[in-house]
Amino acid sequence: MSTQEDLDHAVRRAVGIAALRRLRRLINEERREEAENRLLARRIAWGLAAAAAVAALWLISRALH
């Protein structure tokens, strides 16, 4: 192999590794966002369930009086 071929190989390898690292960062960021969205959805669901329970108790208490 000549020096130019060695250099070309090294450049392609470095560019490939950089691209894979960028993809990994993007995947990690997307997974983090998905986890945050799941947490938010869970909190909203619990909040709605609590509000529904309070409303149901209020309606029951009004019906009994």
Protein backbone atom coordinates (compact mmCIF):
# COMPACT_ATOMS: atom_id res chain seq x y z
CA MET A 1 0.00 0.00 0.00
CA SER A 2 1.24 3.45 -0.76
CA THR A 3 1.23 6.33 1.66
CA GLN A 4 -1.70 7.98 -0.16
CA GLU A 5 -3.76 4.79 0.12
CA ASP A 6 -2.92 4.58 3.82
CA LEU A 7 -3.98 8.18 4.29
CA ASP A 8 -7.22 7.65 2.34
CA HIS A 9 -8.02 4.60 4.45
CA ALA A 10 -7.33 6.51 7.68
CA VAL A 11 -9.52 9.43 6.57
CA ARG A 12 -12.41 7.12 5.60
CA ARG A 13 -12.13 5.32 8.92
CA ALA A 14 -12.11 8.57 10.90
CA VAL A 15 -15.10 9.92 8.97
CA GLY A 16 -16.98 6.65 9.47
CA ILE A 17 -16.29 6.61 13.21
CA ALA A 18 -17.41 10.24 13.51
CA ALA A 19 -20.64 9.43 11.65
CA LEU A 20 -21.35 6.46 13.93
CA ARG A 21 -20.74 8.60 17.02
CA ARG A 22 -23.15 11.24 15.71
CA LEU A 23 -25.78 8.60 15.05
CA ARG A 24 -25.31 7.23 18.57
CA ARG A 25 -25.77 10.73 20.05
CA LEU A 26 -28.94 11.22 18.00
CA ILE A 27 -30.33 7.86 19.11
CA ASN A 28 -29.52 8.58 22.75
CA GLU A 29 -31.19 11.99 22.52
CA GLU A 30 -34.30 10.48 20.94
CA ARG A 31 -34.49 7.81 23.65
CA ARG A 32 -34.16 10.48 26.34
CA GLU A 33 -36.98 12.53 24.77
CA GLU A 34 -39.18 9.43 24.56
CA ALA A 35 -38.55 8.69 28.25
CA GLU A 36 -39.46 12.28 29.16
CA ASN A 37 -42.65 12.01 27.09
CA ARG A 38 -43.62 8.76 28.83
CA LEU A 39 -43.08 10.38 32.22
CA LEU A 40 -45.19 13.40 31.23
CA ALA A 41 -47.97 11.16 29.89
CA ARG A 42 -47.96 9.15 33.11
CA ARG A 43 -48.19 12.31 35.23
CA ILE A 44 -51.06 13.65 33.11
CA ALA A 45 -52.90 10.33 33.38
CA TRP A 46 -52.54 10.29 37.18
CA GLY A 47 -53.67 13.91 37.38
CA LEU A 48 -56.75 13.20 35.27
CA ALA A 49 -57.54 10.12 37.33
CA ALA A 50 -57.28 12.14 40.54
CA ALA A 51 -59.48 14.90 39.11
CA ALA A 52 -62.08 12.32 38.02
CA ALA A 53 -62.06 10.75 41.47
CA VAL A 54 -62.55 14.13 43.14
CA ALA A 55 -65.37 14.99 40.73
CA ALA A 56 -67.04 11.63 41.35
CA LEU A 57 -66.81 12.07 45.13
CA TRP A 58 -68.20 15.58 44.85
CA LEU A 59 -71.14 14.37 42.73
CA ILE A 60 -71.84 11.54 45.17
CA SER A 61 -71.73 13.89 48.16
CA ARG A 62 -74.15 16.29 46.44
CA ALA A 63 -76.52 13.46 45.57
CA LEU A 64 -76.60 12.26 49.19
CA HIS A 65 -77.50 15.69 50.61
